[in-house]
């Protein structure tokens, strides 16, 4: 037998340490060569670490949420033969990373971080997924409760024993009471009642008598208390959000846009799109922003506030705040100003799919110069998005609504939508932000101008 110490390999240029997101083995487990050991998160992505040898796990370094220095021992494996040196079998990092949505079609949420691998079952420690965290826990039926079998559903057909002496009587029960009894697994023939009709209070009394409890009609179900450790992607989001709010003096400006003509243009283009992807609202908004930003370089900027340097980008690298199964991410549409609307639509779909399936490359998740976020039909009347630092601006798309509007003295039903622009007040003045929104409005409310060449 040999003792093999597997050290955490260099999983990213300039990375000094990585966080344990999930363990897939525990002490005592037998592993095969190339079996996944753990998921480790760096500043940019989550990577899967595989075992270079087969054997039995003797030791593991730390627990979920711990930071492990590059080059330190991650696991100790007992092997049948002399194990190869760690440098001969470096682990191959596999990036893990997720649906950018458009107004009225899908849903997007503002995001500030990358990558998360959801722990698999059987890990030493795991963190509940978003779905698990929001799951309501339903009370178990009390011991001794039996489910009804063969009960007729006709009015007054349930047999009850009011005095418990075996004498059978027909007592009425409302449909709501019957349904509640079925949901709780209660045999109505076992419930006593003092009146001629079975009521919710009788069900409550039965449950309490048998050691169980259930909320009274109309009350909410109670969830179990939980303690959830903040690790991985959720921790990175929390840190970045906190830094953005702590270091950036935000201000938000909201403007209402008439998108009636734009929606008509979108429908017309979709009716004759051939092999092109279906257009949502998002490609139009990205196109309009890319054109308008050419005249507002102070908004298409990254601010290094440690060095007091502004990096004004000639190209528009549009970040898409994206909700994914594993968390929020910001894939980037490179050179949006040089793309036509169909190309932008294809790139949105490609990046969203890459993010959802964990195939987004590192360079596709960094380097944005401004971000757009949309909650689609779930959005409210307005919002105050948080800037994706080190950018200096973010625009949020709120829900589209039909409203009565006075046009040339006549009342019309028009499609209206608010856009919310948050800016870093250290870099962007209120006048600049207002002027940008007004110029953006001219394009969005005039589709022919929006789609024309410069």
Protein backbone atom coordinates (compact mmCIF):
# COMPACT_ATOMS: atom_id res chain seq x y z
CA UNK A 1 0.00 0.00 0.00
CA UNK A 2 1.15 3.53 -0.71
CA UNK A 3 0.02 6.87 0.62
CA UNK A 4 -0.53 9.39 -2.19
CA UNK A 5 -1.00 13.07 -1.41
CA UNK A 6 -2.90 14.80 -4.21
CA UNK A 7 -2.22 18.52 -4.21
CA UNK A 8 -4.62 21.10 -5.63
CA UNK A 9 -3.27 21.94 -9.10
CA UNK A 10 -3.06 25.38 -10.69
CA UNK A 11 -6.60 25.78 -12.02
CA UNK A 12 -6.37 29.32 -13.31
CA UNK A 13 -3.77 31.89 -14.19
CA UNK A 14 -2.95 34.05 -11.20
CA UNK A 15 -5.22 32.07 -8.84
CA UNK A 16 -3.76 31.68 -5.35
CA UNK A 17 -6.59 29.69 -3.77
CA UNK A 18 -9.94 28.11 -4.57
CA UNK A 19 -13.11 27.52 -2.58
CA UNK A 20 -14.54 24.06 -1.96
CA UNK A 21 -18.03 24.17 -3.45
CA UNK A 22 -18.88 20.48 -3.07
CA UNK A 23 -17.25 17.20 -2.09
CA UNK A 24 -18.09 14.11 -4.12
CA UNK A 25 -16.14 11.75 -1.85
CA UNK A 26 -15.64 11.27 1.88
CA UNK A 27 -13.09 9.54 4.07
CA UNK A 28 -13.32 5.77 3.57
CA UNK A 29 -14.68 5.93 0.01
CA UNK A 30 -13.04 3.89 -2.71
CA UNK A 31 -12.35 5.94 -5.82
CA UNK A 32 -11.31 5.02 -9.32
CA UNK A 33 -8.84 6.86 -11.48
CA UNK A 34 -10.40 10.01 -13.05
CA UNK A 35 -13.34 9.92 -10.63
CA UNK A 36 -14.57 13.36 -9.59
CA UNK A 37 -13.35 14.34 -6.14
CA UNK A 38 -14.57 17.89 -5.58
CA UNK A 39 -15.84 21.06 -7.23
CA UNK A 40 -13.57 24.05 -6.65
CA UNK A 41 -14.56 27.65 -7.39
CA UNK A 42 -12.17 30.39 -8.45
CA UNK A 43 -12.98 34.03 -9.13
CA UNK A 44 -14.14 33.19 -12.65
CA UNK A 45 -15.47 29.65 -12.82
CA UNK A 46 -16.07 26.36 -11.05
CA UNK A 47 -13.84 23.44 -12.00
CA UNK A 48 -14.18 19.73 -11.40
CA UNK A 49 -11.17 18.11 -9.75
CA UNK A 50 -10.60 14.45 -10.64
CA UNK A 51 -8.47 11.83 -8.94
CA UNK A 52 -5.23 10.92 -10.74
CA UNK A 53 -5.13 7.54 -8.99
CA UNK A 54 -7.40 4.76 -7.78
CA UNK A 55 -7.60 3.84 -4.11
CA UNK A 56 -9.26 4.62 -0.78
CA UNK A 57 -9.71 8.14 0.61
CA UNK A 58 -7.78 8.60 3.85
CA UNK A 59 -8.06 12.37 4.34
CA UNK A 60 -9.82 15.36 2.79
CA UNK A 61 -8.84 19.01 3.18
CA UNK A 62 -11.51 21.15 4.72
CA UNK A 63 -15.26 21.38 4.30
CA UNK A 64 -17.60 23.11 1.90
CA UNK A 65 -16.92 26.84 1.91
CA UNK A 66 -13.26 26.57 2.94
CA UNK A 67 -10.53 28.24 0.86
CA UNK A 68 -7.70 25.90 -0.19
CA UNK A 69 -4.33 27.32 -1.38
CA UNK A 70 -3.03 26.16 -4.75
CA UNK A 71 -0.40 23.46 -4.20
CA UNK A 72 -1.72 22.34 -0.82
CA UNK A 73 -2.91 18.78 -0.19
CA UNK A 74 -6.53 18.33 -1.27
CA UNK A 75 -6.94 14.59 -0.54
CA UNK A 76 -4.81 11.72 0.65
CA UNK A 77 -5.40 8.40 -1.14
CA UNK A 78 -4.24 4.94 -0.15
CA UNK A 79 -3.25 3.10 -3.32
CA UNK A 80 -2.40 -0.51 -4.09
CA UNK A 81 0.86 0.44 -5.78
CA UNK A 82 3.24 3.35 -5.90
CA UNK A 83 1.27 6.30 -7.15
CA UNK A 84 2.59 8.61 -9.87
CA UNK A 85 3.83 12.01 -8.88
CA UNK A 86 1.15 14.65 -8.80
CA UNK A 87 2.87 16.74 -11.46
CA UNK A 88 2.68 13.78 -13.88
CA UNK A 89 -1.11 13.73 -13.73
CA UNK A 90 -2.44 17.27 -13.40
CA UNK A 91 -6.16 17.52 -13.00
CA UNK A 92 -7.84 18.96 -16.05
CA UNK A 93 -10.07 21.85 -15.02
CA UNK A 94 -13.51 21.65 -16.54
CA UNK A 95 -15.32 24.94 -16.45
CA UNK A 96 -18.75 24.83 -15.09
CA UNK A 97 -20.99 27.43 -15.39
CA UNK A 98 -26.74 29.75 -17.73
CA UNK A 99 -31.29 31.99 -20.08
CA UNK A 100 -31.09 35.47 -20.95
CA UNK A 101 -34.55 36.50 -21.54
CA UNK A 102 -36.29 39.22 -23.43
CA UNK A 103 -39.23 41.47 -22.67
CA UNK A 104 -42.44 39.48 -22.79
CA UNK A 105 -40.69 36.27 -23.85
CA UNK A 106 -38.41 35.11 -21.07
CA UNK A 107 -37.12 36.38 -17.74
CA UNK A 108 -33.77 37.88 -16.77
CA UNK A 109 -32.39 39.05 -13.46
CA UNK A 110 -29.41 41.21 -12.64
CA UNK A 111 -26.29 39.14 -11.96
CA UNK A 112 -22.78 39.83 -10.82
CA UNK A 113 -20.90 36.53 -10.66
CA UNK A 114 -20.02 33.35 -12.50
CA UNK A 115 -20.31 29.62 -12.16
CA UNK A 116 -21.57 27.08 -9.65
CA UNK A 117 -21.68 23.31 -9.61
CA UNK A 118 -24.63 21.99 -7.65
CA UNK A 119 -23.47 19.35 -5.15
CA UNK A 120 -24.56 15.85 -6.06
CA UNK A 121 -26.24 13.43 -3.71
CA UNK A 122 -23.95 11.60 -1.36
CA UNK A 123 -21.45 14.42 -0.92
CA UNK A 124 -19.84 14.96 2.43
CA UNK A 125 -21.46 18.38 2.67
CA UNK A 126 -23.95 19.97 0.37
CA UNK A 127 -25.77 23.23 -0.02
CA UNK A 128 -29.48 23.26 -0.88
CA UNK A 129 -30.30 24.48 -4.35
CA UNK A 130 -32.60 27.43 -4.84
CA UNK A 131 -35.50 25.08 -5.49
CA UNK A 132 -34.77 23.14 -2.29
CA UNK A 133 -34.51 26.32 -0.24
CA UNK A 134 -37.98 27.43 -1.28
CA UNK A 135 -39.68 24.05 -0.84
CA UNK A 136 -42.53 24.10 1.64
CA UNK A 137 -42.46 21.25 4.13
CA UNK A 138 -45.80 19.61 4.50
CA UNK A 139 -46.82 18.17 7.90
CA UNK A 140 -46.83 14.37 8.00
CA UNK A 141 -50.11 12.71 8.96
CA UNK A 142 -50.26 11.88 12.65
CA UNK A 143 -49.48 8.36 13.74
CA UNK A 144 -52.57 6.22 13.67
CA UNK A 145 -54.27 8.08 10.84
CA UNK A 146 -55.58 5.79 8.18
CA UNK A 147 -56.38 6.72 4.61
CA UNK A 148 -59.95 6.29 3.46
CA UNK A 149 -60.57 3.35 1.18
CA UNK A 150 -63.65 2.68 -0.83
CA UNK A 151 -65.54 5.70 0.58
CA UNK A 152 -68.33 6.85 -1.65
CA UNK A 153 -68.21 10.47 -2.71
CA UNK A 154 -71.96 11.00 -2.86
CA UNK A 155 -73.62 13.53 -0.57
CA UNK A 156 -74.05 12.16 2.94
CA UNK A 157 -72.41 8.85 2.09
CA UNK A 158 -69.61 8.91 4.73
CA UNK A 159 -70.38 6.72 7.75
CA UNK A 160 -69.58 8.19 11.16
CA UNK A 161 -69.64 6.88 14.71
CA UNK A 162 -70.71 9.85 16.86
CA UNK A 163 -70.71 7.90 20.10
CA UNK A 164 -67.83 5.56 19.26
CA UNK A 165 -70.02 2.52 20.08
CA UNK A 166 -70.20 1.16 16.59
CA UNK A 167 -73.58 2.66 15.79
CA UNK A 168 -73.46 3.94 12.19
CA UNK A 169 -75.10 7.14 11.04
CA UNK A 170 -75.11 9.21 7.87
CA UNK A 171 -73.78 12.73 8.51
CA UNK A 172 -73.29 15.41 5.91
CA UNK A 173 -69.89 16.99 5.09
CA UNK A 174 -69.13 19.81 2.71
CA UNK A 175 -66.89 19.23 -0.35
CA UNK A 176 -64.18 21.40 1.27
CA UNK A 177 -64.17 19.23 4.40
CA UNK A 178 -64.04 16.04 2.33
CA UNK A 179 -61.14 17.36 0.25
CA UNK A 180 -59.22 18.41 3.34
CA UNK A 181 -59.74 14.99 4.89
CA UNK A 182 -58.45 13.32 1.72
CA UNK A 183 -55.40 15.58 1.66
CA UNK A 184 -54.60 14.69 5.27
CA UNK A 185 -55.25 10.98 4.83
CA UNK A 186 -58.13 10.94 7.33
CA UNK A 187 -60.82 8.24 7.24
CA UNK A 188 -64.04 10.18 7.84
CA UNK A 189 -65.63 7.15 9.48
CA UNK A 190 -63.17 7.57 12.36
CA UNK A 191 -64.04 11.22 13.09
CA UNK A 192 -66.53 12.07 15.85
CA UNK A 193 -68.90 15.00 15.54
CA UNK A 194 -71.40 16.55 17.94
CA UNK A 195 -73.71 17.84 15.21
CA UNK A 196 -75.40 16.55 12.12
CA UNK A 197 -72.68 17.80 9.78
CA UNK A 198 -68.94 17.18 9.84
CA UNK A 199 -67.00 20.45 10.08
CA UNK A 200 -63.36 21.59 9.89
CA UNK A 201 -63.28 21.88 13.68
CA UNK A 202 -64.07 18.16 13.90
CA UNK A 203 -61.03 17.37 11.76
CA UNK A 204 -58.89 19.63 13.95
CA UNK A 205 -60.11 17.88 17.09
CA UNK A 206 -59.40 14.47 15.58
CA UNK A 207 -55.84 15.43 14.67
CA UNK A 208 -55.12 16.95 18.08
CA UNK A 209 -56.52 13.91 19.83
CA UNK A 210 -54.23 11.66 17.81
CA UNK A 211 -51.10 13.73 18.38
CA UNK A 212 -51.05 15.50 15.03
CA UNK A 213 -51.73 19.07 14.04
CA UNK A 214 -52.71 20.95 10.92
CA UNK A 215 -53.29 24.67 10.24
CA UNK A 216 -56.89 25.79 10.46
CA UNK A 217 -58.63 26.53 7.21
CA UNK A 218 -57.13 29.60 5.56
CA UNK A 219 -53.88 29.55 7.55
CA UNK A 220 -50.50 29.17 5.85
CA UNK A 221 -48.40 26.03 6.18
CA UNK A 222 -45.34 26.36 8.35
CA UNK A 223 -41.92 25.60 6.93
CA UNK A 224 -39.09 23.95 8.79
CA UNK A 225 -36.30 26.17 10.08
CA UNK A 226 -33.12 25.98 8.01
CA UNK A 227 -29.48 27.01 8.30
CA UNK A 228 -27.92 27.44 4.85
CA UNK A 229 -24.21 28.05 4.43
CA UNK A 230 -23.42 30.72 1.82
CA UNK A 231 -20.79 29.24 -0.48
CA UNK A 232 -19.77 29.12 -4.12
CA UNK A 233 -21.66 31.27 -6.58
CA UNK A 234 -24.06 32.65 -3.98
CA UNK A 235 -21.11 33.82 -1.89
CA UNK A 236 -19.49 35.48 -4.91
CA UNK A 237 -22.74 37.25 -5.78
CA UNK A 238 -23.10 38.45 -2.19
CA UNK A 239 -19.53 39.77 -2.10
CA UNK A 240 -19.79 41.55 -5.45
CA UNK A 241 -23.17 43.08 -4.63
CA UNK A 242 -21.88 44.32 -1.29
CA UNK A 243 -18.77 45.84 -2.89
CA UNK A 244 -20.84 47.51 -5.61
CA UNK A 245 -23.20 49.14 -3.11
CA UNK A 246 -20.40 50.03 -0.69
CA UNK A 247 -18.04 51.58 -3.23
CA UNK A 248 -20.36 53.02 -5.89
CA UNK A 249 -22.63 56.03 -5.27
CA UNK A 250 -25.60 54.92 -7.37
CA UNK A 251 -28.30 57.09 -8.87
CA UNK A 252 -31.17 55.79 -10.98
CA UNK A 253 -33.11 57.55 -13.70
CA UNK A 254 -36.34 56.07 -15.14
CA UNK A 255 -37.90 56.95 -18.49
CA UNK A 256 -41.08 55.66 -20.15
CA UNK A 257 -40.85 54.47 -23.76
CA UNK A 258 -43.57 53.92 -26.35
CA UNK A 259 -42.77 50.56 -27.97
CA UNK A 260 -45.95 50.18 -30.04
CA UNK A 261 -44.16 50.61 -33.37
CA UNK A 262 -41.21 48.51 -32.23
CA UNK A 263 -43.51 45.62 -31.31
CA UNK A 264 -45.21 45.86 -34.72
CA UNK A 265 -41.81 45.80 -36.42
CA UNK A 266 -40.73 42.81 -34.34
CA UNK A 267 -43.87 40.87 -35.28
CA UNK A 268 -43.38 41.68 -38.97
CA UNK A 269 -39.73 40.56 -38.94
CA UNK A 270 -40.59 37.34 -37.13
CA UNK A 271 -43.28 36.51 -39.70
CA UNK A 272 -40.62 36.41 -42.43
CA UNK A 273 -37.46 35.40 -40.59
CA UNK A 274 -36.54 32.32 -42.60
CA UNK A 275 -33.75 30.45 -40.85
CA UNK A 276 -33.04 33.26 -38.42
CA UNK A 277 -33.88 32.93 -34.71
CA UNK A 278 -37.12 34.37 -33.38
CA UNK A 279 -36.63 37.95 -32.30
CA UNK A 280 -37.46 38.99 -28.74
CA UNK A 281 -37.34 42.56 -27.49
CA UNK A 282 -33.79 42.16 -26.20
CA UNK A 283 -31.86 42.27 -29.53
CA UNK A 284 -33.61 45.57 -30.41
CA UNK A 285 -32.65 47.10 -27.05
CA UNK A 286 -29.04 45.92 -27.32
CA UNK A 287 -28.83 47.36 -30.83
CA UNK A 288 -30.27 50.70 -29.70
CA UNK A 289 -27.91 50.91 -26.73
CA UNK A 290 -24.85 50.04 -28.83
CA UNK A 291 -25.68 52.82 -31.31
CA UNK A 292 -26.41 55.42 -28.63
CA UNK A 293 -23.28 54.66 -26.58
CA UNK A 294 -21.09 55.83 -29.46
CA UNK A 295 -21.93 59.38 -28.36
CA UNK A 296 -21.59 58.66 -24.62
CA UNK A 297 -18.13 57.15 -24.00
CA UNK A 298 -18.32 58.13 -20.32
CA UNK A 299 -21.13 55.59 -19.86
CA UNK A 300 -19.43 52.76 -21.77
CA UNK A 301 -16.58 52.71 -19.25
CA UNK A 302 -14.83 50.58 -16.65
CA UNK A 303 -13.60 52.41 -13.54
CA UNK A 304 -10.56 51.25 -11.60
CA UNK A 305 -11.22 53.17 -8.40
CA UNK A 306 -8.08 51.80 -6.76
CA UNK A 307 -5.87 53.42 -9.41
CA UNK A 308 -8.31 56.26 -10.28
CA UNK A 309 -8.30 55.29 -13.94
CA UNK A 310 -11.19 55.28 -16.41
CA UNK A 311 -11.06 52.81 -19.29
CA UNK A 312 -13.39 54.13 -21.98
CA UNK A 313 -14.08 51.34 -24.44
CA UNK A 314 -14.42 52.02 -28.15
CA UNK A 315 -16.31 48.76 -28.55
CA UNK A 316 -19.56 47.90 -26.77
CA UNK A 317 -19.22 44.63 -24.88
CA UNK A 318 -22.77 44.14 -23.62
CA UNK A 319 -23.21 42.04 -20.48
CA UNK A 320 -26.49 40.12 -20.24
CA UNK A 321 -27.67 39.66 -16.67
CA UNK A 322 -28.80 36.05 -16.88
CA UNK A 323 -30.79 33.77 -14.60
CA UNK A 324 -29.51 30.19 -14.76
CA UNK A 325 -30.28 26.91 -12.99
CA UNK A 326 -27.15 27.32 -10.87
CA UNK A 327 -27.33 31.03 -10.21
CA UNK A 328 -26.91 34.41 -11.85
CA UNK A 329 -24.29 35.07 -14.51
CA UNK A 330 -23.31 37.79 -16.97
CA UNK A 331 -22.23 36.38 -20.35
CA UNK A 332 -20.96 39.05 -22.74
CA UNK A 333 -21.95 39.96 -26.31
CA UNK A 334 -18.65 41.11 -27.80
CA UNK A 335 -18.59 44.07 -30.20
CA UNK A 336 -22.34 44.60 -30.14
CA UNK A 337 -21.94 47.82 -32.12
CA UNK A 338 -20.61 45.85 -35.13
CA UNK A 339 -23.44 43.29 -35.25
CA UNK A 340 -26.82 43.46 -36.95
CA UNK A 341 -29.98 42.56 -35.07
CA UNK A 342 -30.12 38.96 -36.34
CA UNK A 343 -26.51 38.35 -35.35
CA UNK A 344 -27.18 39.75 -31.88
CA UNK A 345 -30.23 37.47 -31.54
CA UNK A 346 -28.11 34.43 -32.47
CA UNK A 347 -25.39 35.44 -30.03
CA UNK A 348 -27.90 35.88 -27.21
CA UNK A 349 -29.21 32.35 -27.76
CA UNK A 350 -25.71 30.87 -28.07
CA UNK A 351 -24.41 32.49 -24.91
CA UNK A 352 -27.52 31.64 -22.93
CA UNK A 353 -27.27 27.98 -23.93
CA UNK A 354 -23.55 27.86 -23.15
CA UNK A 355 -24.18 29.34 -19.74
CA UNK A 356 -27.09 27.00 -18.96
CA UNK A 357 -25.08 23.90 -19.88
CA UNK A 358 -21.90 25.01 -18.14
CA UNK A 359 -19.95 25.35 -21.40
CA UNK A 360 -19.38 29.11 -21.33
CA UNK A 361 -15.68 29.93 -21.64
CA UNK A 362 -13.96 32.23 -19.15
CA UNK A 363 -13.64 35.02 -21.71
CA UNK A 364 -17.38 34.82 -22.38
CA UNK A 365 -18.10 35.64 -18.74
CA UNK A 366 -15.88 38.68 -18.27
CA UNK A 367 -14.91 41.99 -19.82
CA UNK A 368 -18.34 43.61 -20.20
CA UNK A 369 -18.41 47.41 -20.47
CA UNK A 370 -22.11 47.89 -19.65
CA UNK A 371 -24.91 45.50 -18.61
CA UNK A 372 -28.55 45.08 -19.56
CA UNK A 373 -31.01 43.26 -17.30
CA UNK A 374 -34.61 42.28 -17.95
CA UNK A 375 -37.24 40.68 -15.75
CA UNK A 376 -39.62 40.43 -18.70
CA UNK A 377 -43.31 40.02 -17.82
CA UNK A 378 -42.29 39.41 -14.17
CA UNK A 379 -40.80 42.88 -13.96
CA UNK A 380 -42.44 45.66 -12.03
CA UNK A 381 -43.32 49.18 -13.06
CA UNK A 382 -39.76 50.24 -12.32
CA UNK A 383 -36.56 48.95 -10.73
CA UNK A 384 -33.23 50.19 -9.36
CA UNK A 385 -30.57 47.82 -10.72
CA UNK A 386 -27.18 47.49 -9.01
CA UNK A 387 -24.15 48.26 -11.17
CA UNK A 388 -21.95 45.37 -12.25
CA UNK A 389 -18.66 46.71 -10.91
CA UNK A 390 -16.23 47.88 -12.37
CA UNK A 391 -18.72 49.10 -14.98
CA UNK A 392 -20.32 52.49 -14.38
CA UNK A 393 -23.84 51.89 -15.71
CA UNK A 394 -26.55 49.25 -16.00
CA UNK A 395 -29.97 49.43 -17.65
CA UNK A 396 -32.97 47.41 -16.49
CA UNK A 397 -35.95 46.59 -18.70
CA UNK A 398 -39.31 46.65 -16.93
CA UNK A 399 -42.53 44.99 -18.04
CA UNK A 400 -44.45 46.06 -21.12
CA UNK A 401 -48.00 47.26 -20.53
CA UNK A 402 -50.86 48.53 -22.65
CA UNK A 403 -51.97 51.97 -21.46
CA UNK A 404 -54.43 54.64 -22.57
CA UNK A 405 -52.38 57.55 -23.91
CA UNK A 406 -53.39 60.88 -25.41
CA UNK A 407 -51.90 61.17 -28.93
CA UNK A 408 -52.64 64.35 -30.93
CA UNK A 409 -55.66 65.04 -28.76
CA UNK A 410 -57.08 61.53 -29.18
CA UNK A 411 -57.11 58.72 -26.62
CA UNK A 412 -55.26 55.62 -27.87
CA UNK A 413 -54.17 52.31 -26.38
CA UNK A 414 -50.37 52.15 -26.69
CA UNK A 415 -47.70 49.71 -25.57
CA UNK A 416 -45.47 51.37 -23.00
CA UNK A 417 -42.41 50.25 -21.08
CA UNK A 418 -40.07 51.81 -18.53
CA UNK A 419 -36.27 51.58 -18.70
CA UNK A 420 -34.27 52.17 -15.51
CA UNK A 421 -30.70 53.43 -15.83
CA UNK A 422 -28.40 53.21 -12.80
CA UNK A 423 -25.10 55.09 -13.00
CA UNK A 424 -21.96 55.62 -10.95
CA UNK A 425 -22.23 59.26 -9.89
CA UNK A 426 -18.44 59.53 -9.58
CA UNK A 427 -18.18 59.11 -13.35
CA UNK A 428 -21.57 59.89 -14.89
CA UNK A 429 -23.42 63.17 -14.31
CA UNK A 430 -27.20 63.34 -14.15
CA UNK A 431 -27.31 65.44 -17.33
CA UNK A 432 -25.34 62.79 -19.23
CA UNK A 433 -27.64 60.01 -18.03
CA UNK A 434 -30.78 61.96 -18.96
CA UNK A 435 -29.39 62.86 -22.37
CA UNK A 436 -28.43 59.24 -23.03
CA UNK A 437 -31.97 58.05 -22.23
CA UNK A 438 -33.54 60.67 -24.48
CA UNK A 439 -31.31 59.71 -27.42
CA UNK A 440 -32.01 56.05 -26.74
CA UNK A 441 -35.72 56.85 -26.77
CA UNK A 442 -35.48 58.36 -30.26
CA UNK A 443 -34.17 55.07 -31.62
CA UNK A 444 -36.49 52.74 -29.74
CA UNK A 445 -39.59 54.72 -30.70
CA UNK A 446 -38.46 54.92 -34.35
CA UNK A 447 -37.68 51.36 -35.56
CA UNK A 448 -36.77 52.50 -39.10
CA UNK A 449 -34.03 54.71 -37.68
CA UNK A 450 -32.97 51.99 -35.27
CA UNK A 451 -32.50 49.39 -38.02
CA UNK A 452 -30.92 51.72 -40.56
CA UNK A 453 -27.18 51.89 -41.12
CA UNK A 454 -25.22 54.80 -39.65
